[in-house]
Amino acid sequence: MISVERVSKRYGPVVAVDGISFEIDRGEVVGFLGPNGAGKTTTMRMLTGTLQPDAGEVRYDGRPIGEDLRAAKARVGYLPETNALYQEMLVAEYLDYAATLRGLEGAARRAALSDAVEETGIENVYGRPISQLSKGYRQRVGLAAAILHRPEILVLDEPTEGLDPNQRVGIRHLVSALGRDRTVLLSTHVLGEVEATCSRLLIVHHGRLVADGSVAELLETGRSAPRYVVEADGDDVPGVLGTMPGVASTRADRVDGRDRVELVAADREELRPAISRLAAEKGWTLWELHRERASLEQLFQQLTDEAGVGEEVAS
């Protein structure tokens, strides 16, 4: 549905986006990640037609959006990072004004307003001034305005920025619900939200795409060696584990009178069966044995710390 083809954007001597290319299928919920200054917001603005690229093209269904920018924008709902609401307006007045800007009239206008209010759960604040709303409800009002014209594509730039944990959960559930019948691109620094809501990730660094795939795929293809934790009671547990085939390094501590050893594997071969057999042979009492799950945070740090020019990890 969306195709970004070698898109670039400069601000004077600064290259904000450097030849990014990716595609998003209809109905996907895609997380768009990167450190501050990586080019996320600039890319999202070009994708929505708010900003024109210096090179490359953005296409919807194979058609460049520049051919009919007004029609392309009608297909997109955009919640920018700075959710600029008119504080002096009532929620009802603001959404009515947004409906006017979208050219909605008559029965279609009334139905659109009703649906947007219901989908975003703002019925209880519909008659209140925006200035009196919590940050969470303000984000919901911004989302209501973004989906008012029933867009096929929803682009959300940091929708939970500045919210408390309960508000974040509420917006996360809302985004998941909105993504059931829309294509969604979600930019966020909260990696837990990505794992909870997104079917796929795009990670950018220094204006270039460095990773593209599902969370599971990217974690599986990540470059970190597998890690294991063993807690056992017995003779020379750290020394024996350190000489096991397939173990690159170990770190040991004493916990409640037992040895707790963290192992880093030399390759991707599964070590838990061998560790279990070794414990039985040595007569150890095995209190704990598990393989640490690779985290999205570790992968993100790895890619954005190490990614060089032209380097890409893809599914």
C-alpha atoms as a PDB file:
ATOM      1  CA  MET A   1       0.000   0.000   0.000  1.00  0.00           C
ATOM      2  CA  ILE A   2       2.851   2.394   0.872  1.00  0.00           C
ATOM      3  CA  SER A   3       6.137   2.418  -0.990  1.00  0.00           C
ATOM      4  CA  VAL A   4       9.033   4.678  -0.011  1.00  0.00           C
ATOM      5  CA  GLU A   5      11.648   4.576  -2.767  1.00  0.00           C
ATOM      6  CA  ARG A   6      15.156   5.937  -2.053  1.00  0.00           C
ATOM      7  CA  VAL A   7      13.800   9.034  -0.333  1.00  0.00           C
ATOM      8  CA  SER A   8      16.264  11.674   0.857  1.00  0.00           C
ATOM      9  CA  LYS A   9      15.971  15.028   2.603  1.00  0.00           C
ATOM     10  CA  ARG A  10      18.581  17.639   3.519  1.00  0.00           C
ATOM     11  CA  TYR A  11      18.430  20.661   5.765  1.00  0.00           C
ATOM     12  CA  GLY A  12      21.342  22.701   4.405  1.00  0.00           C
ATOM     13  CA  PRO A  13      24.501  20.634   4.977  1.00  0.00           C
ATOM     14  CA  VAL A  14      22.695  18.163   7.259  1.00  0.00           C
ATOM     15  CA  VAL A  15      21.416  14.935   5.682  1.00  0.00           C
ATOM     16  CA  ALA A  16      18.287  14.102   7.689  1.00  0.00           C
ATOM     17  CA  VAL A  17      17.155  11.168   5.529  1.00  0.00           C
ATOM     18  CA  ASP A  18      19.573   9.342   3.242  1.00  0.00           C
ATOM     19  CA  GLY A  19      18.033   7.141   0.550  1.00  0.00           C
ATOM     20  CA  ILE A  20      15.505   5.276   2.687  1.00  0.00           C
ATOM     21  CA  SER A  21      13.418   2.571   0.981  1.00  0.00           C
ATOM     22  CA  PHE A  22      10.712   0.330   2.436  1.00  0.00           C
ATOM     23  CA  GLU A  23       7.200  -0.928   1.753  1.00  0.00           C
ATOM     24  CA  ILE A  24       4.209  -1.333   4.059  1.00  0.00           C
ATOM     25  CA  ASP A  25       1.349  -3.657   3.155  1.00  0.00           C
ATOM     26  CA  ARG A  26      -2.301  -2.918   3.694  1.00  0.00           C
ATOM     27  CA  GLY A  27      -3.367  -3.699   7.269  1.00  0.00           C
ATOM     28  CA  GLU A  28       0.135  -3.798   8.793  1.00  0.00           C
ATOM     29  CA  VAL A  29       0.948  -2.098  12.099  1.00  0.00           C
ATOM     30  CA  VAL A  30       4.591  -1.079  11.769  1.00  0.00           C
ATOM     31  CA  GLY A  31       6.847   0.367  14.459  1.00  0.00           C
ATOM     32  CA  PHE A  32       9.261   3.061  13.305  1.00  0.00           C
ATOM     33  CA  LEU A  33      12.239   3.310  15.661  1.00  0.00           C
ATOM     34  CA  GLY A  34      15.469   5.225  15.916  1.00  0.00           C
ATOM     35  CA  PRO A  35      17.430   7.474  18.276  1.00  0.00           C
ATOM     36  CA  ASN A  36      16.777  11.204  18.411  1.00  0.00           C
ATOM     37  CA  GLY A  37      17.896  12.842  15.177  1.00  0.00           C
ATOM     38  CA  ALA A  38      17.761   9.594  13.194  1.00  0.00           C
ATOM     39  CA  GLY A  39      15.305  11.013  10.637  1.00  0.00           C
ATOM     40  CA  LYS A  40      12.057   9.455  11.835  1.00  0.00           C
ATOM     41  CA  THR A  41       9.914  12.592  11.971  1.00  0.00           C
ATOM     42  CA  THR A  42      11.266  13.893   8.666  1.00  0.00           C
ATOM     43  CA  THR A  43      10.466  10.549   7.010  1.00  0.00           C
ATOM     44  CA  MET A  44       6.945  10.538   8.461  1.00  0.00           C
ATOM     45  CA  ARG A  45       6.334  14.071   7.228  1.00  0.00           C
ATOM     46  CA  MET A  46       7.400  13.082   3.719  1.00  0.00           C
ATOM     47  CA  LEU A  47       5.278   9.951   3.878  1.00  0.00           C
ATOM     48  CA  THR A  48       2.183  12.020   4.728  1.00  0.00           C
ATOM     49  CA  GLY A  49       2.889  14.658   2.081  1.00  0.00           C
ATOM     50  CA  THR A  50       3.539  17.363   4.683  1.00  0.00           C
ATOM     51  CA  LEU A  51       7.145  17.678   3.487  1.00  0.00           C
ATOM     52  CA  GLN A  52       8.489  17.102  -0.015  1.00  0.00           C
ATOM     53  CA  PRO A  53      11.596  14.919  -0.478  1.00  0.00           C
ATOM     54  CA  ASP A  54      14.703  16.234  -2.212  1.00  0.00           C
ATOM     55  CA  ALA A  55      15.064  12.904  -4.004  1.00  0.00           C
ATOM     56  CA  GLY A  56      13.070   9.693  -4.324  1.00  0.00           C
ATOM     57  CA  GLU A  57       9.339   9.093  -4.233  1.00  0.00           C
ATOM     58  CA  VAL A  58       6.563   8.114  -1.852  1.00  0.00           C
ATOM     59  CA  ARG A  59       3.817   6.052  -3.501  1.00  0.00           C
ATOM     60  CA  TYR A  60       0.385   4.915  -2.388  1.00  0.00           C
ATOM     61  CA  ASP A  61      -0.800   1.834  -4.278  1.00  0.00           C
ATOM     62  CA  GLY A  62       1.973   2.395  -6.808  1.00  0.00           C
ATOM     63  CA  ARG A  63       1.063   6.005  -7.575  1.00  0.00           C
ATOM     64  CA  PRO A  64       3.386   8.872  -6.581  1.00  0.00           C
ATOM     65  CA  ILE A  65       1.602  11.018  -4.012  1.00  0.00           C
ATOM     66  CA  GLY A  66       2.940  14.152  -5.683  1.00  0.00           C
ATOM     67  CA  GLU A  67       0.683  13.538  -8.694  1.00  0.00           C
ATOM     68  CA  ASP A  68      -2.357  14.462  -6.595  1.00  0.00           C
ATOM     69  CA  LEU A  69      -1.181  15.535  -3.160  1.00  0.00           C
ATOM     70  CA  ARG A  70      -4.630  16.567  -1.975  1.00  0.00           C
ATOM     71  CA  ALA A  71      -6.098  13.138  -2.778  1.00  0.00           C
ATOM     72  CA  ALA A  72      -3.133  11.423  -1.121  1.00  0.00           C
ATOM     73  CA  LYS A  73      -3.508  13.470   2.065  1.00  0.00           C
ATOM     74  CA  ALA A  74      -7.196  12.534   2.184  1.00  0.00           C
ATOM     75  CA  ARG A  75      -6.114   8.906   2.632  1.00  0.00           C
ATOM     76  CA  VAL A  76      -3.899   9.658   5.653  1.00  0.00           C
ATOM     77  CA  GLY A  77      -4.549  10.483   9.286  1.00  0.00           C
ATOM     78  CA  TYR A  78      -1.528  12.083  10.957  1.00  0.00           C
ATOM     79  CA  LEU A  79      -0.878  12.717  14.646  1.00  0.00           C
ATOM     80  CA  PRO A  80       2.363  14.739  14.835  1.00  0.00           C
ATOM     81  CA  GLU A  81       4.723  14.595  17.800  1.00  0.00           C
ATOM     82  CA  THR A  82       3.516  18.031  18.882  1.00  0.00           C
ATOM     83  CA  ASN A  83      -0.252  17.579  19.134  1.00  0.00           C
ATOM     84  CA  ALA A  84      -1.252  21.183  18.445  1.00  0.00           C
ATOM     85  CA  LEU A  85      -4.778  21.603  19.812  1.00  0.00           C
ATOM     86  CA  TYR A  86      -6.710  24.852  20.273  1.00  0.00           C
ATOM     87  CA  GLN A  87      -6.791  25.070  24.057  1.00  0.00           C
ATOM     88  CA  GLU A  88      -9.674  27.558  24.201  1.00  0.00           C
ATOM     89  CA  MET A  89     -12.040  25.325  22.220  1.00  0.00           C
ATOM     90  CA  LEU A  90     -14.367  22.673  23.556  1.00  0.00           C
ATOM     91  CA  VAL A  91     -13.550  19.169  22.331  1.00  0.00           C
ATOM     92  CA  ALA A  92     -16.811  19.232  20.354  1.00  0.00           C
ATOM     93  CA  GLU A  93     -15.896  22.547  18.739  1.00  0.00           C
ATOM     94  CA  TYR A  94     -12.415  21.375  17.802  1.00  0.00           C
ATOM     95  CA  LEU A  95     -13.616  18.164  16.186  1.00  0.00           C
ATOM     96  CA  ASP A  96     -16.386  20.042  14.394  1.00  0.00           C
ATOM     97  CA  TYR A  97     -13.743  22.408  13.043  1.00  0.00           C
ATOM     98  CA  ALA A  98     -11.585  19.437  11.966  1.00  0.00           C
ATOM     99  CA  ALA A  99     -14.603  17.983  10.164  1.00  0.00           C
ATOM    100  CA  THR A 100     -15.017  21.286   8.290  1.00  0.00           C
ATOM    101  CA  LEU A 101     -11.366  21.221   7.219  1.00  0.00           C
ATOM    102  CA  ARG A 102     -11.874  17.683   5.937  1.00  0.00           C
ATOM    103  CA  GLY A 103     -14.898  18.754   3.886  1.00  0.00           C
ATOM    104  CA  LEU A 104     -17.338  16.542   5.774  1.00  0.00           C
ATOM    105  CA  GLU A 105     -20.973  17.599   5.610  1.00  0.00           C
ATOM    106  CA  GLY A 106     -24.484  16.476   6.545  1.00  0.00           C
ATOM    107  CA  ALA A 107     -25.115  12.897   7.611  1.00  0.00           C
ATOM    108  CA  ALA A 108     -21.569  11.829   6.729  1.00  0.00           C
ATOM    109  CA  ARG A 109     -20.209  14.517   9.063  1.00  0.00           C
ATOM    110  CA  ARG A 110     -22.446  13.465  11.970  1.00  0.00           C
ATOM    111  CA  ALA A 111     -21.590   9.795  11.490  1.00  0.00           C
ATOM    112  CA  ALA A 112     -17.853  10.533  11.276  1.00  0.00           C
ATOM    113  CA  LEU A 113     -17.913  12.578  14.482  1.00  0.00           C
ATOM    114  CA  SER A 114     -19.895   9.923  16.314  1.00  0.00           C
ATOM    115  CA  ASP A 115     -17.589   7.122  15.187  1.00  0.00           C
ATOM    116  CA  ALA A 116     -14.380   9.018  16.013  1.00  0.00           C
ATOM    117  CA  VAL A 117     -15.620   9.931  19.499  1.00  0.00           C
ATOM    118  CA  GLU A 118     -16.663   6.352  20.191  1.00  0.00           C
ATOM    119  CA  GLU A 119     -13.457   4.777  18.830  1.00  0.00           C
ATOM    120  CA  THR A 120     -11.210   7.026  20.918  1.00  0.00           C
ATOM    121  CA  GLY A 121     -13.328   6.874  24.081  1.00  0.00           C
ATOM    122  CA  ILE A 122     -13.767  10.613  24.611  1.00  0.00           C
ATOM    123  CA  GLU A 123     -17.539  10.696  25.161  1.00  0.00           C
ATOM    124  CA  ASN A 124     -17.091  11.872  28.765  1.00  0.00           C
ATOM    125  CA  VAL A 125     -15.032  14.916  27.787  1.00  0.00           C
ATOM    126  CA  TYR A 126     -16.784  15.837  24.542  1.00  0.00           C
ATOM    127  CA  GLY A 127     -18.300  18.989  26.043  1.00  0.00           C
ATOM    128  CA  ARG A 128     -15.250  20.100  28.026  1.00  0.00           C
ATOM    129  CA  PRO A 129     -12.599  22.721  27.148  1.00  0.00           C
ATOM    130  CA  ILE A 130      -9.412  21.177  25.775  1.00  0.00           C
ATOM    131  CA  SER A 131      -7.401  23.221  28.310  1.00  0.00           C
ATOM    132  CA  GLN A 132      -8.975  21.192  31.133  1.00  0.00           C
ATOM    133  CA  LEU A 133      -8.075  17.783  29.718  1.00  0.00           C
ATOM    134  CA  SER A 134      -5.291  15.498  30.904  1.00  0.00           C
ATOM    135  CA  LYS A 135      -2.430  14.769  28.506  1.00  0.00           C
ATOM    136  CA  GLY A 136      -3.901  11.335  27.832  1.00  0.00           C
ATOM    137  CA  TYR A 137      -7.266  12.745  26.808  1.00  0.00           C
ATOM    138  CA  ARG A 138      -5.587  15.391  24.667  1.00  0.00           C
ATOM    139  CA  GLN A 139      -3.816  12.635  22.773  1.00  0.00           C
ATOM    140  CA  ARG A 140      -7.149  10.887  22.316  1.00  0.00           C
ATOM    141  CA  VAL A 141      -8.671  14.088  20.936  1.00  0.00           C
ATOM    142  CA  GLY A 142      -5.750  14.360  18.509  1.00  0.00           C
ATOM    143  CA  LEU A 143      -6.338  10.769  17.445  1.00  0.00           C
ATOM    144  CA  ALA A 144     -10.047  11.447  16.998  1.00  0.00           C
ATOM    145  CA  ALA A 145      -9.206  14.329  14.661  1.00  0.00           C
ATOM    146  CA  ALA A 146      -6.728  12.134  12.788  1.00  0.00           C
ATOM    147  CA  ILE A 147      -9.287   9.366  12.095  1.00  0.00           C
ATOM    148  CA  LEU A 148     -12.279  11.652  11.558  1.00  0.00           C
ATOM    149  CA  HIS A 149     -12.264  11.251   7.773  1.00  0.00           C
ATOM    150  CA  ARG A 150     -11.837   7.461   8.050  1.00  0.00           C
ATOM    151  CA  PRO A 151      -8.310   7.306   6.596  1.00  0.00           C
ATOM    152  CA  GLU A 152      -6.800   4.097   5.277  1.00  0.00           C
ATOM    153  CA  ILE A 153      -3.371   5.058   6.639  1.00  0.00           C
ATOM    154  CA  LEU A 154      -2.635   6.265  10.163  1.00  0.00           C
ATOM    155  CA  VAL A 155       0.749   7.836  10.968  1.00  0.00           C
ATOM    156  CA  LEU A 156       1.440   8.410  14.678  1.00  0.00           C
ATOM    157  CA  ASP A 157       4.556  10.238  15.858  1.00  0.00           C
ATOM    158  CA  GLU A 158       5.235   9.569  19.565  1.00  0.00           C
ATOM    159  CA  PRO A 159       1.538   9.284  20.558  1.00  0.00           C
ATOM    160  CA  THR A 160       2.356   8.386  24.184  1.00  0.00           C
ATOM    161  CA  GLU A 161       5.094  10.961  24.799  1.00  0.00           C
ATOM    162  CA  GLY A 162       4.686  12.538  28.242  1.00  0.00           C
ATOM    163  CA  LEU A 163       1.957  10.162  29.429  1.00  0.00           C
ATOM    164  CA  ASP A 164       1.977   8.290  32.725  1.00  0.00           C
ATOM    165  CA  PRO A 165       2.051   4.454  32.668  1.00  0.00           C
ATOM    166  CA  ASN A 166      -1.731   4.069  32.915  1.00  0.00           C
ATOM    167  CA  GLN A 167      -2.277   6.568  30.110  1.00  0.00           C
ATOM    168  CA  ARG A 168       0.307   4.776  27.986  1.00  0.00           C
ATOM    169  CA  VAL A 169      -1.557   1.492  28.371  1.00  0.00           C
ATOM    170  CA  GLY A 170      -4.807   3.185  27.349  1.00  0.00           C
ATOM    171  CA  ILE A 171      -3.300   4.705  24.199  1.00  0.00           C
ATOM    172  CA  ARG A 172      -1.551   1.409  23.411  1.00  0.00           C
ATOM    173  CA  HIS A 173      -4.860  -0.450  23.476  1.00  0.00           C
ATOM    174  CA  LEU A 174      -6.431   2.288  21.387  1.00  0.00           C
ATOM    175  CA  VAL A 175      -3.701   2.065  18.736  1.00  0.00           C
ATOM    176  CA  SER A 176      -4.094  -1.720  18.617  1.00  0.00           C
ATOM    177  CA  ALA A 177      -7.825  -1.324  18.056  1.00  0.00           C
ATOM    178  CA  LEU A 178      -7.341   1.338  15.385  1.00  0.00           C
ATOM    179  CA  GLY A 179      -4.887  -0.934  13.574  1.00  0.00           C
ATOM    180  CA  ARG A 180      -7.439  -3.678  13.021  1.00  0.00           C
ATOM    181  CA  ASP A 181      -8.760  -2.063   9.856  1.00  0.00           C
ATOM    182  CA  ARG A 182      -6.058   0.483   8.989  1.00  0.00           C
ATOM    183  CA  THR A 183      -2.427   0.572   7.957  1.00  0.00           C
ATOM    184  CA  VAL A 184      -0.523   2.119  10.885  1.00  0.00           C
ATOM    185  CA  LEU A 185       3.007   3.533  11.141  1.00  0.00           C
ATOM    186  CA  LEU A 186       3.918   4.183  14.787  1.00  0.00           C
ATOM    187  CA  SER A 187       6.993   6.054  15.967  1.00  0.00           C
ATOM    188  CA  THR A 188       7.855   5.694  19.649  1.00  0.00           C
ATOM    189  CA  HIS A 189      10.761   5.484  22.100  1.00  0.00           C
ATOM    190  CA  VAL A 190       8.824   3.104  24.355  1.00  0.00           C
ATOM    191  CA  LEU A 191       9.963  -0.292  23.128  1.00  0.00           C
ATOM    192  CA  GLY A 192       7.350  -2.173  25.166  1.00  0.00           C
ATOM    193  CA  GLU A 193       4.645  -0.485  23.104  1.00  0.00           C
ATOM    194  CA  VAL A 194       6.262  -1.741  19.917  1.00  0.00           C
ATOM    195  CA  GLU A 195       6.297  -5.348  21.107  1.00  0.00           C
ATOM    196  CA  ALA A 196       2.679  -5.053  22.262  1.00  0.00           C
ATOM    197  CA  THR A 197       1.216  -3.378  19.163  1.00  0.00           C
ATOM    198  CA  CYS A 198       3.402  -3.814  16.098  1.00  0.00           C
ATOM    199  CA  SER A 199       3.668  -6.729  13.680  1.00  0.00           C
ATOM    200  CA  ARG A 200       6.860  -5.371  12.117  1.00  0.00           C
ATOM    201  CA  LEU A 201       9.716  -2.958  12.865  1.00  0.00           C
ATOM    202  CA  LEU A 202      11.681  -0.451  10.841  1.00  0.00           C
ATOM    203  CA  ILE A 203      14.778   0.916  12.598  1.00  0.00           C
ATOM    204  CA  VAL A 204      16.642   3.940  11.262  1.00  0.00           C
ATOM    205  CA  HIS A 205      20.009   5.386  12.248  1.00  0.00           C
ATOM    206  CA  HIS A 206      21.757   8.449  10.813  1.00  0.00           C
ATOM    207  CA  GLY A 207      18.980   8.768   8.231  1.00  0.00           C
ATOM    208  CA  ARG A 208      19.359   5.220   6.905  1.00  0.00           C
ATOM    209  CA  LEU A 209      17.392   2.024   7.375  1.00  0.00           C
ATOM    210  CA  VAL A 210      19.355  -0.487   9.462  1.00  0.00           C
ATOM    211  CA  ALA A 211      16.697  -3.108  10.243  1.00  0.00           C
ATOM    212  CA  ASP A 212      13.397  -4.332   8.804  1.00  0.00           C
ATOM    213  CA  GLY A 213      11.426  -7.320  10.077  1.00  0.00           C
ATOM    214  CA  SER A 214       9.176  -8.672  12.806  1.00  0.00           C
ATOM    215  CA  VAL A 215      10.280  -8.420  16.438  1.00  0.00           C
ATOM    216  CA  ALA A 216      10.877 -12.186  16.553  1.00  0.00           C
ATOM    217  CA  GLU A 217      12.852 -12.185  13.294  1.00  0.00           C
ATOM    218  CA  LEU A 218      15.065  -9.282  14.290  1.00  0.00           C
ATOM    219  CA  LEU A 219      15.770 -10.728  17.729  1.00  0.00           C
ATOM    220  CA  GLU A 220      16.620 -14.071  16.133  1.00  0.00           C
ATOM    221  CA  THR A 221      19.004 -12.501  13.612  1.00  0.00           C
ATOM    222  CA  GLY A 222      20.529 -10.146  16.194  1.00  0.00           C
ATOM    223  CA  ARG A 223      24.242 -10.383  16.646  1.00  0.00           C
ATOM    224  CA  SER A 224      24.317 -10.994  20.424  1.00  0.00           C
ATOM    225  CA  ALA A 225      25.530 -14.423  21.522  1.00  0.00           C
ATOM    226  CA  PRO A 226      23.040 -16.508  23.545  1.00  0.00           C
ATOM    227  CA  ARG A 227      23.328 -16.145  27.321  1.00  0.00           C
ATOM    228  CA  TYR A 228      22.425 -18.669  30.012  1.00  0.00           C
ATOM    229  CA  VAL A 229      21.997 -18.490  33.768  1.00  0.00           C
ATOM    230  CA  VAL A 230      22.836 -21.508  35.919  1.00  0.00           C
ATOM    231  CA  GLU A 231      22.342 -21.647  39.681  1.00  0.00           C
ATOM    232  CA  ALA A 232      23.635 -24.831  41.272  1.00  0.00           C
ATOM    233  CA  ASP A 233      24.998 -26.288  44.500  1.00  0.00           C
ATOM    234  CA  GLY A 234      28.011 -28.562  44.026  1.00  0.00           C
ATOM    235  CA  ASP A 235      31.763 -28.858  43.552  1.00  0.00           C
ATOM    236  CA  ASP A 236      33.525 -26.252  41.385  1.00  0.00           C
ATOM    237  CA  VAL A 237      30.411 -25.250  39.447  1.00  0.00           C
ATOM    238  CA  PRO A 238      31.960 -22.117  37.834  1.00  0.00           C
ATOM    239  CA  GLY A 239      35.198 -23.891  36.866  1.00  0.00           C
ATOM    240  CA  VAL A 240      33.464 -26.885  35.278  1.00  0.00           C
ATOM    241  CA  LEU A 241      30.960 -24.767  33.379  1.00  0.00           C
ATOM    242  CA  GLY A 242      33.759 -22.507  32.127  1.00  0.00           C
ATOM    243  CA  THR A 243      35.469 -25.461  30.422  1.00  0.00           C
ATOM    244  CA  MET A 244      32.319 -26.768  28.715  1.00  0.00           C
ATOM    245  CA  PRO A 245      32.470 -26.999  24.903  1.00  0.00           C
ATOM    246  CA  GLY A 246      30.528 -24.125  23.331  1.00  0.00           C
ATOM    247  CA  VAL A 247      31.046 -21.693  26.250  1.00  0.00           C
ATOM    248  CA  ALA A 248      32.859 -18.452  25.375  1.00  0.00           C
ATOM    249  CA  SER A 249      32.935 -16.832  28.821  1.00  0.00           C
ATOM    250  CA  THR A 250      31.445 -17.041  32.310  1.00  0.00           C
ATOM    251  CA  ARG A 251      30.773 -14.750  35.252  1.00  0.00           C
ATOM    252  CA  ALA A 252      30.098 -16.255  38.687  1.00  0.00           C
ATOM    253  CA  ASP A 253      28.609 -15.034  41.975  1.00  0.00           C
ATOM    254  CA  ARG A 254      27.537 -16.618  45.236  1.00  0.00           C
ATOM    255  CA  VAL A 255      23.805 -16.373  45.977  1.00  0.00           C
ATOM    256  CA  ASP A 256      22.330 -17.875  49.169  1.00  0.00           C
ATOM    257  CA  GLY A 257      25.306 -20.208  49.473  1.00  0.00           C
ATOM    258  CA  ARG A 258      25.008 -21.422  45.860  1.00  0.00           C
ATOM    259  CA  ASP A 259      26.958 -20.644  42.687  1.00  0.00           C
ATOM    260  CA  ARG A 260      25.149 -18.490  40.155  1.00  0.00           C
ATOM    261  CA  VAL A 261      26.935 -18.527  36.798  1.00  0.00           C
ATOM    262  CA  GLU A 262      26.132 -16.467  33.723  1.00  0.00           C
ATOM    263  CA  LEU A 263      27.392 -18.126  30.526  1.00  0.00           C
ATOM    264  CA  VAL A 264      27.944 -16.532  27.124  1.00  0.00           C
ATOM    265  CA  ALA A 265      27.813 -19.103  24.332  1.00  0.00           C
ATOM    266  CA  ALA A 266      30.421 -19.273  21.581  1.00  0.00           C
ATOM    267  CA  ASP A 267      27.768 -19.959  18.934  1.00  0.00           C
ATOM    268  CA  ARG A 268      24.010 -20.485  18.616  1.00  0.00           C
ATOM    269  CA  GLU A 269      23.982 -24.168  19.589  1.00  0.00           C
ATOM    270  CA  GLU A 270      21.513 -24.828  22.432  1.00  0.00           C
ATOM    271  CA  LEU A 271      23.465 -25.542  25.652  1.00  0.00           C
ATOM    272  CA  ARG A 272      20.705 -26.324  28.166  1.00  0.00           C
ATOM    273  CA  PRO A 273      20.574 -30.115  27.545  1.00  0.00           C
ATOM    274  CA  ALA A 274      24.363 -30.376  27.914  1.00  0.00           C
ATOM    275  CA  ILE A 275      24.320 -28.301  31.104  1.00  0.00           C
ATOM    276  CA  SER A 276      21.545 -30.456  32.545  1.00  0.00           C
ATOM    277  CA  ARG A 277      23.457 -33.667  31.776  1.00  0.00           C
ATOM    278  CA  LEU A 278      26.653 -32.228  33.241  1.00  0.00           C
ATOM    279  CA  ALA A 279      24.840 -31.302  36.472  1.00  0.00           C
ATOM    280  CA  ALA A 280      23.526 -34.855  36.791  1.00  0.00           C
ATOM    281  CA  GLU A 281      26.978 -36.344  36.143  1.00  0.00           C
ATOM    282  CA  LYS A 282      28.598 -34.099  38.761  1.00  0.00           C
ATOM    283  CA  GLY A 283      25.845 -34.652  41.327  1.00  0.00           C
ATOM    284  CA  TRP A 284      24.972 -30.959  41.516  1.00  0.00           C
ATOM    285  CA  THR A 285      21.666 -29.720  42.854  1.00  0.00           C
ATOM    286  CA  LEU A 286      20.349 -27.593  39.990  1.00  0.00           C
ATOM    287  CA  TRP A 287      18.245 -24.708  41.276  1.00  0.00           C
ATOM    288  CA  GLU A 288      17.923 -22.717  38.072  1.00  0.00           C
ATOM    289  CA  LEU A 289      18.716 -23.099  34.374  1.00  0.00           C
ATOM    290  CA  HIS A 290      17.401 -20.761  31.715  1.00  0.00           C
ATOM    291  CA  ARG A 291      18.387 -19.060  28.486  1.00  0.00           C
ATOM    292  CA  GLU A 292      17.993 -15.314  28.637  1.00  0.00           C
ATOM    293  CA  ARG A 293      15.576 -13.925  26.101  1.00  0.00           C
ATOM    294  CA  ALA A 294      17.098 -11.362  23.799  1.00  0.00           C
ATOM    295  CA  SER A 295      15.429  -8.010  24.374  1.00  0.00           C
ATOM    296  CA  LEU A 296      14.318  -5.417  21.872  1.00  0.00           C
ATOM    297  CA  GLU A 297      16.193  -2.829  23.931  1.00  0.00           C
ATOM    298  CA  GLN A 298      19.460  -4.751  23.485  1.00  0.00           C
ATOM    299  CA  LEU A 299      18.849  -5.108  19.757  1.00  0.00           C
ATOM    300  CA  PHE A 300      18.036  -1.409  19.388  1.00  0.00           C
ATOM    301  CA  GLN A 301      21.190  -0.375  21.255  1.00  0.00           C
ATOM    302  CA  GLN A 302      23.261  -2.791  19.215  1.00  0.00           C
ATOM    303  CA  LEU A 303      21.986  -1.574  15.863  1.00  0.00           C
ATOM    304  CA  THR A 304      22.141   2.124  16.666  1.00  0.00           C
ATOM    305  CA  ASP A 305      25.556   1.869  18.339  1.00  0.00           C
ATOM    306  CA  GLU A 306      27.214  -0.249  15.668  1.00  0.00           C
ATOM    307  CA  ALA A 307      25.331   0.371  12.413  1.00  0.00           C
ATOM    308  CA  GLY A 308      27.590   1.859   9.789  1.00  0.00           C
ATOM    309  CA  VAL A 309      26.955   3.439   6.422  1.00  0.00           C
ATOM    310  CA  GLY A 310      25.337   0.960   4.097  1.00  0.00           C
ATOM    311  CA  GLU A 311      24.770  -1.665   6.799  1.00  0.00           C
ATOM    312  CA  GLU A 312      21.315  -3.223   6.996  1.00  0.00           C
ATOM    313  CA  VAL A 313      19.695  -6.117   8.828  1.00  0.00           C
ATOM    314  CA  ALA A 314      16.596  -7.375   7.029  1.00  0.00           C
ATOM    315  CA  SER A 315      14.155 -10.207   7.410  1.00  0.00           C
END
